[in-house]
Amino acid sequence: MKTNFHTHTSLCRHADGTAEDYVKSAVSNGLTQLGFSDHGPYPDIDLGQRMLFEELEEYLNEIDSLAAKYKQNIQIRKGMEIEYLPRYRDYYEQLLTKRGLEYLLMGEHFYINPEGERANIYEVTSSTGQYLAYARTVAEGMKTGLFAAVAHPDLYMLNPFAWNDDCRRAADLIIDTAVATDTILEYNANGLRWEQRTYPDGRRAPYPHDNFWKMAAEAPVRVIVGSDCHNPSCIWDCAMDTAHENLKKLGIQPVYQPDLA
């Protein structure tokens, strides 16, 4: 069975292709379900690399239209990838109710640091000391019950550091909270598309990180594989095949038809 619930479109400003291009690719690749999860906007700030707030209605209407048009070929799910930031809790609830989204995918690129400020995980360059704050933000988001899954939960490993106790403690908090809240964790295939880099502990893809997922394999946590595709050709490619092979080696059986409500 082939499904994917992490899909971007050109609306996010860093992907190629229309929503329909992705649907056509999904159908030709034999997917039974395709979930759209473009980067969500906020009503009062622009964090970049995402659609504008005034484009949200266009995004939602297009998915509804495609779901009706291709209903004989594939089931299309309406979602959104967005960061958990505490002050926007009411907004997340509105997206799931008034806006009719089926699911929110927590893609934590920004987090709340120990000073209570918004910080960018891509800009952690001095040490791994911020990783527990990152994990706490992810855990707090899971506890709201508003997010069906956490995208690339080991994204923090893209920074230029070796796996250490900070990394392990962050992973432990994220995995334990996922189990306690029954939140799905995503094994992200897009990290496998990145060129491998040299880290203090060896050459590897920025994520998924083996140590994180070895820990996940020891826990009763639900896992999905997400393409995180930014081009229609990546709906199902060699990175997706590799992701499934990696999970099989770890003894993790991914979920193909998760309850995303």
Protein backbone atom coordinates (compact mmCIF):
# COMPACT_ATOMS: atom_id res chain seq x y z
CA MET A 1 0.00 0.00 0.00
CA LYS A 2 1.23 3.48 -0.89
CA THR A 3 0.07 6.60 0.98
CA ASN A 4 1.61 9.98 1.74
CA PHE A 5 0.35 12.76 3.98
CA HIS A 6 3.19 15.28 3.66
CA THR A 7 2.89 17.18 0.39
CA HIS A 8 3.80 20.75 -0.56
CA THR A 9 2.88 22.93 -3.54
CA SER A 10 4.25 26.04 -5.17
CA LEU A 11 2.15 28.13 -2.78
CA CYS A 12 4.86 27.67 -0.12
CA ARG A 13 7.42 29.55 -2.29
CA HIS A 14 10.03 26.80 -2.13
CA ALA A 15 8.31 23.95 -3.98
CA ASP A 16 7.46 23.31 -7.62
CA GLY A 17 4.17 22.26 -9.13
CA THR A 18 0.47 22.85 -8.64
CA ALA A 19 -1.68 20.78 -6.32
CA GLU A 20 -3.11 18.97 -9.34
CA ASP A 21 0.40 18.09 -10.53
CA TYR A 22 0.91 16.24 -7.23
CA VAL A 23 -2.43 14.46 -7.53
CA LYS A 24 -1.59 13.26 -11.04
CA SER A 25 1.81 12.02 -9.85
CA ALA A 26 0.22 10.24 -6.89
CA VAL A 27 -2.29 8.49 -9.14
CA SER A 28 0.38 7.43 -11.63
CA ASN A 29 2.50 6.06 -8.78
CA GLY A 30 -0.36 3.99 -7.40
CA LEU A 31 -1.04 5.87 -4.16
CA THR A 32 -4.40 5.21 -2.54
CA GLN A 33 -4.34 8.33 -0.33
CA LEU A 34 -2.64 11.70 -0.73
CA GLY A 35 -2.62 14.27 2.04
CA PHE A 36 -1.77 17.89 1.30
CA SER A 37 0.13 19.63 4.09
CA ASP A 38 1.54 22.84 2.73
CA HIS A 39 3.23 25.22 5.17
CA GLY A 40 0.52 27.07 7.04
CA PRO A 41 0.38 30.86 7.37
CA TYR A 42 -0.34 32.86 10.51
CA PRO A 43 -2.92 35.65 10.60
CA ASP A 44 -0.60 38.34 12.00
CA ILE A 45 3.03 37.38 11.21
CA ASP A 46 4.90 36.16 8.14
CA LEU A 47 7.51 33.56 9.06
CA GLY A 48 8.47 33.09 5.40
CA GLN A 49 8.70 29.98 3.22
CA ARG A 50 4.91 29.55 3.21
CA MET A 51 1.68 30.74 1.67
CA LEU A 52 0.30 34.13 2.63
CA PHE A 53 -2.64 34.21 5.01
CA GLU A 54 -4.84 35.68 2.27
CA GLU A 55 -4.03 32.62 0.12
CA LEU A 56 -5.34 30.14 2.67
CA GLU A 57 -8.86 30.05 1.23
CA GLU A 58 -7.46 29.40 -2.25
CA TYR A 59 -5.45 26.46 -0.89
CA LEU A 60 -8.43 24.91 0.88
CA ASN A 61 -10.82 25.39 -2.05
CA GLU A 62 -8.38 23.84 -4.51
CA ILE A 63 -7.97 20.71 -2.40
CA ASP A 64 -11.75 20.34 -2.10
CA SER A 65 -12.09 20.71 -5.86
CA LEU A 66 -9.38 18.12 -6.57
CA ALA A 67 -10.86 15.70 -4.05
CA ALA A 68 -14.14 15.79 -5.96
CA LYS A 69 -12.50 15.64 -9.39
CA TYR A 70 -10.29 12.63 -8.60
CA LYS A 71 -12.53 10.77 -6.14
CA GLN A 72 -12.68 7.71 -8.40
CA ASN A 73 -8.86 7.51 -8.51
CA ILE A 74 -7.55 8.47 -5.09
CA GLN A 75 -8.62 9.72 -1.66
CA ILE A 76 -7.34 13.23 -1.04
CA ARG A 77 -6.90 14.49 2.52
CA LYS A 78 -6.82 18.16 3.52
CA GLY A 79 -4.09 19.04 5.98
CA MET A 80 -1.46 21.61 6.81
CA GLU A 81 2.07 21.60 8.18
CA ILE A 82 2.53 24.28 10.80
CA GLU A 83 4.66 25.00 13.85
CA TYR A 84 3.25 24.80 17.35
CA LEU A 85 3.59 28.22 18.97
CA PRO A 86 1.55 28.50 22.22
CA ARG A 87 -0.07 31.85 21.49
CA TYR A 88 -1.79 30.46 18.37
CA ARG A 89 -3.68 27.61 20.01
CA ASP A 90 -7.07 29.17 19.22
CA TYR A 91 -5.98 29.60 15.60
CA TYR A 92 -5.09 25.90 15.30
CA GLU A 93 -8.52 24.99 16.67
CA GLN A 94 -10.17 27.26 14.10
CA LEU A 95 -8.22 25.61 11.28
CA LEU A 96 -9.61 22.23 12.32
CA THR A 97 -13.17 23.45 12.80
CA LYS A 98 -14.17 26.58 10.92
CA ARG A 99 -11.64 26.02 8.10
CA GLY A 100 -12.37 22.31 7.83
CA LEU A 101 -8.86 20.90 7.88
CA GLU A 102 -8.70 17.15 8.47
CA TYR A 103 -5.34 17.25 10.21
CA LEU A 104 -2.46 19.40 11.37
CA LEU A 105 1.08 18.16 10.92
CA MET A 106 3.44 19.74 13.44
CA GLY A 107 6.55 20.84 11.55
CA GLU A 108 8.55 22.53 14.28
CA HIS A 109 11.01 24.81 12.52
CA PHE A 110 10.52 27.48 15.20
CA TYR A 111 10.32 26.79 18.92
CA ILE A 112 10.21 28.60 22.25
CA ASN A 113 13.67 28.97 23.80
CA PRO A 114 14.39 29.16 27.57
CA GLU A 115 14.04 32.96 27.44
CA GLY A 116 10.47 32.57 26.19
CA GLU A 117 11.34 33.84 22.71
CA ARG A 118 10.68 32.31 19.32
CA ALA A 119 13.84 30.68 17.94
CA ASN A 120 14.75 28.94 14.68
CA ILE A 121 16.07 25.37 14.90
CA TYR A 122 18.12 25.99 11.75
CA GLU A 123 20.10 28.67 13.58
CA VAL A 124 21.42 26.59 16.49
CA THR A 125 25.16 26.87 15.85
CA SER A 126 26.92 27.16 19.22
CA SER A 127 25.92 23.96 21.05
CA THR A 128 23.23 21.33 21.50
CA GLY A 129 22.02 23.08 24.65
CA GLN A 130 18.85 24.34 22.91
CA TYR A 131 17.65 20.87 21.95
CA LEU A 132 15.72 20.21 25.14
CA ALA A 133 13.86 23.51 24.70
CA TYR A 134 13.03 22.42 21.17
CA ALA A 135 11.79 19.05 22.43
CA ARG A 136 9.71 20.72 25.16
CA THR A 137 7.93 22.85 22.56
CA VAL A 138 7.21 19.76 20.45
CA ALA A 139 5.98 17.88 23.53
CA GLU A 140 3.74 20.78 24.58
CA GLY A 141 2.23 20.82 21.09
CA MET A 142 1.50 17.10 21.20
CA LYS A 143 -0.22 17.47 24.58
CA THR A 144 -2.78 19.87 23.07
CA GLY A 145 -4.24 17.02 21.03
CA LEU A 146 -4.45 19.33 18.01
CA PHE A 147 -1.71 17.68 15.95
CA ALA A 148 -2.21 14.29 14.34
CA ALA A 149 1.50 13.78 13.74
CA VAL A 150 4.91 15.37 14.18
CA ALA A 151 6.86 15.89 10.97
CA HIS A 152 10.62 15.20 11.02
CA PRO A 153 10.77 15.00 14.86
CA ASP A 154 14.56 14.62 14.64
CA LEU A 155 15.00 17.76 12.53
CA TYR A 156 17.27 19.22 15.21
CA MET A 157 19.98 16.77 14.13
CA LEU A 158 20.59 18.78 10.95
CA ASN A 159 22.85 21.10 12.94
CA PRO A 160 26.65 20.53 12.93
CA PHE A 161 26.97 18.48 16.12
CA ALA A 162 27.59 14.87 17.08
CA TRP A 163 24.94 12.85 18.85
CA ASN A 164 25.32 13.45 22.57
CA ASP A 165 23.31 13.41 25.80
CA ASP A 166 21.37 16.56 24.82
CA CYS A 167 20.30 14.84 21.60
CA ARG A 168 19.31 11.69 23.48
CA ARG A 169 17.31 13.57 26.12
CA ALA A 170 15.47 15.55 23.44
CA ALA A 171 14.64 12.33 21.59
CA ASP A 172 13.51 10.67 24.81
CA LEU A 173 11.08 13.50 25.61
CA ILE A 174 9.62 13.59 22.09
CA ILE A 175 9.20 9.81 21.87
CA ASP A 176 7.79 9.43 25.40
CA THR A 177 5.26 12.21 24.79
CA ALA A 178 4.25 10.72 21.45
CA VAL A 179 3.52 7.44 23.22
CA ALA A 180 1.61 9.14 26.06
CA THR A 181 -0.52 11.22 23.68
CA ASP A 182 -0.77 8.60 20.91
CA THR A 183 0.69 11.10 18.44
CA ILE A 184 2.24 9.72 15.25
CA LEU A 185 5.91 10.42 14.50
CA GLU A 186 6.98 10.85 10.89
CA TYR A 187 10.05 9.23 9.34
CA ASN A 188 10.83 11.95 6.84
CA ALA A 189 12.06 10.88 3.40
CA ASN A 190 13.03 14.39 2.35
CA GLY A 191 16.03 14.33 4.69
CA LEU A 192 17.31 11.40 2.67
CA ARG A 193 17.22 13.54 -0.47
CA TRP A 194 19.64 16.04 1.03
CA GLU A 195 23.28 15.65 0.13
CA GLN A 196 25.14 13.85 2.88
CA ARG A 197 27.28 16.05 5.11
CA THR A 198 30.31 15.48 7.27
CA TYR A 199 29.49 15.75 10.99
CA PRO A 200 31.80 15.37 14.00
CA ASP A 201 30.60 11.76 14.32
CA GLY A 202 30.70 10.84 10.64
CA ARG A 203 29.13 11.42 7.25
CA ARG A 204 25.36 11.17 7.08
CA ALA A 205 22.13 12.73 5.92
CA PRO A 206 21.01 15.59 8.19
CA TYR A 207 17.98 13.50 9.21
CA PRO A 208 16.43 10.99 9.80
CA HIS A 209 19.03 10.15 12.43
CA ASP A 210 19.67 6.48 13.19
CA ASN A 211 20.05 6.98 16.94
CA PHE A 212 16.70 8.75 17.23
CA TRP A 213 14.90 6.00 15.37
CA LYS A 214 16.66 3.21 17.22
CA MET A 215 15.15 4.74 20.35
CA ALA A 216 11.75 4.98 18.66
CA ALA A 217 11.98 1.30 17.70
CA GLU A 218 12.09 0.44 21.40
CA ALA A 219 8.86 2.32 22.14
CA PRO A 220 5.22 1.57 21.25
CA VAL A 221 4.98 4.65 19.05
CA ARG A 222 3.07 4.90 15.78
CA VAL A 223 5.17 5.88 12.77
CA ILE A 224 4.34 7.04 9.25
CA VAL A 225 6.64 7.68 6.32
CA GLY A 226 6.25 11.16 4.87
CA SER A 227 7.60 12.12 1.47
CA ASP A 228 7.72 15.83 2.35
CA CYS A 229 7.79 16.26 -1.40
CA HIS A 230 8.49 19.66 -2.91
CA ASN A 231 8.28 18.42 -6.49
CA PRO A 232 5.66 16.10 -8.03
CA SER A 233 8.41 13.68 -9.09
CA CYS A 234 9.17 13.03 -5.40
CA ILE A 235 5.71 11.79 -4.44
CA TRP A 236 7.15 8.27 -4.46
CA ASP A 237 10.83 8.03 -5.36
CA CYS A 238 13.95 6.15 -4.25
CA ALA A 239 14.01 8.17 -1.01
CA MET A 240 10.58 6.81 -0.13
CA ASP A 241 11.74 3.27 -0.89
CA THR A 242 14.85 3.79 1.25
CA ALA A 243 12.76 5.20 4.11
CA HIS A 244 10.59 2.08 4.18
CA GLU A 245 13.64 -0.18 3.94
CA ASN A 246 15.29 1.65 6.86
CA LEU A 247 12.23 1.22 9.06
CA LYS A 248 12.03 -2.47 8.18
CA LYS A 249 15.65 -2.93 9.30
CA LEU A 250 14.77 -1.23 12.59
CA GLY A 251 11.76 -3.48 13.09
CA ILE A 252 9.29 -0.59 12.79
CA GLN A 253 6.06 -1.29 10.93
CA PRO A 254 4.76 2.02 9.60
CA VAL A 255 1.10 2.97 9.55
CA TYR A 256 -0.30 3.40 6.05
CA GLN A 257 -3.86 4.48 6.83
CA PRO A 258 -3.66 6.48 10.06
CA ASP A 259 -6.66 8.03 11.72
CA LEU A 260 -5.75 11.68 11.18
CA ALA A 261 -8.87 13.20 12.72
